[in-house]
Amino acid sequence: MMVFITHFTIGLIGGLVIFWICFRLSGAESTSAPFGLVFLGVACGLLALHLSPWATPAILTVYAFAGFKELLDF
């Protein structure tokens, strides 16, 4: 259970940091709460528990690439 909680927390905080960086770089002035980050944390926790602990950095890397691609397309 500690594996899930650890990777959930890492995924949630890492996703929040990535979201905050992309939000600041976009120049937007307001946003709603990023509830999707909870799903990101759950995905990190479940995949780390059942697949591999390396799933968490892989998921966060994909999330960062998607965020920066959206920033460039904006």
Protein backbone atom coordinates (compact mmCIF):
# COMPACT_ATOMS: atom_id res chain seq x y z
CA MET A 1 0.00 0.00 0.00
CA MET A 2 2.92 2.35 0.65
CA VAL A 3 4.02 1.96 -2.97
CA PHE A 4 0.64 3.25 -4.17
CA ILE A 5 0.56 6.15 -1.70
CA THR A 6 4.14 7.16 -2.50
CA HIS A 7 3.66 7.14 -6.27
CA PHE A 8 0.22 8.76 -5.99
CA THR A 9 1.78 11.62 -4.03
CA ILE A 10 4.73 11.94 -6.41
CA GLY A 11 2.39 11.90 -9.41
CA LEU A 12 0.04 14.46 -7.88
CA ILE A 13 2.78 16.88 -6.81
CA GLY A 14 4.76 16.39 -10.04
CA GLY A 15 1.64 16.96 -12.13
CA LEU A 16 0.81 20.06 -10.13
CA VAL A 17 4.31 21.47 -10.70
CA ILE A 18 4.10 20.76 -14.44
CA PHE A 19 0.62 22.33 -14.59
CA TRP A 20 1.81 25.40 -12.69
CA ILE A 21 4.82 25.88 -15.00
CA CYS A 22 2.69 25.58 -18.14
CA PHE A 23 0.05 27.88 -16.63
CA ARG A 24 2.63 30.55 -15.80
CA LEU A 25 4.28 30.32 -19.21
CA SER A 26 0.93 30.65 -20.99
CA GLY A 27 0.30 34.06 -19.46
CA ALA A 28 -3.25 33.20 -18.39
CA GLU A 29 -4.61 35.11 -15.44
CA SER A 30 -7.08 32.60 -13.99
CA THR A 31 -7.88 28.92 -14.12
CA SER A 32 -10.09 26.38 -12.46
CA ALA A 33 -8.84 23.70 -10.11
CA PRO A 34 -7.00 21.00 -12.07
CA PHE A 35 -9.06 18.01 -10.82
CA GLY A 36 -7.58 15.84 -13.58
CA LEU A 37 -4.35 15.72 -11.58
CA VAL A 38 -6.06 13.38 -9.13
CA PHE A 39 -6.54 10.91 -11.99
CA LEU A 40 -2.89 11.41 -12.93
CA GLY A 41 -1.88 10.54 -9.38
CA VAL A 42 -4.14 7.47 -9.34
CA ALA A 43 -2.68 6.31 -12.65
CA CYS A 44 0.86 6.74 -11.32
CA GLY A 45 0.02 4.83 -8.15
CA LEU A 46 -1.76 1.94 -9.85
CA LEU A 47 0.80 1.49 -12.60
CA ALA A 48 3.67 1.65 -10.10
CA LEU A 49 1.93 -0.96 -7.98
CA HIS A 50 1.04 -3.39 -10.78
CA LEU A 51 3.50 -2.67 -13.59
CA SER A 52 6.71 -0.94 -12.56
CA PRO A 53 7.83 1.95 -10.35
CA TRP A 54 9.33 3.47 -13.50
CA ALA A 55 5.81 4.16 -14.75
CA THR A 56 5.58 7.30 -12.61
CA PRO A 57 8.44 9.19 -14.28
CA ALA A 58 7.23 7.96 -17.68
CA ILE A 59 3.70 9.26 -17.05
CA LEU A 60 4.99 12.61 -15.77
CA THR A 61 7.26 12.94 -18.81
CA VAL A 62 4.35 12.30 -21.18
CA TYR A 63 2.23 14.81 -19.23
CA ALA A 64 5.01 17.42 -19.47
CA PHE A 65 5.41 16.89 -23.22
CA ALA A 66 1.64 17.21 -23.71
CA GLY A 67 1.52 20.39 -21.63
CA PHE A 68 4.40 22.03 -23.46
CA LYS A 69 3.02 20.96 -26.85
CA GLU A 70 -0.28 22.58 -25.97
CA LEU A 71 1.61 25.68 -24.85
CA LEU A 72 3.44 25.85 -28.20
CA ASP A 73 0.20 25.32 -30.15
CA PHE A 74 -1.45 28.15 -28.22
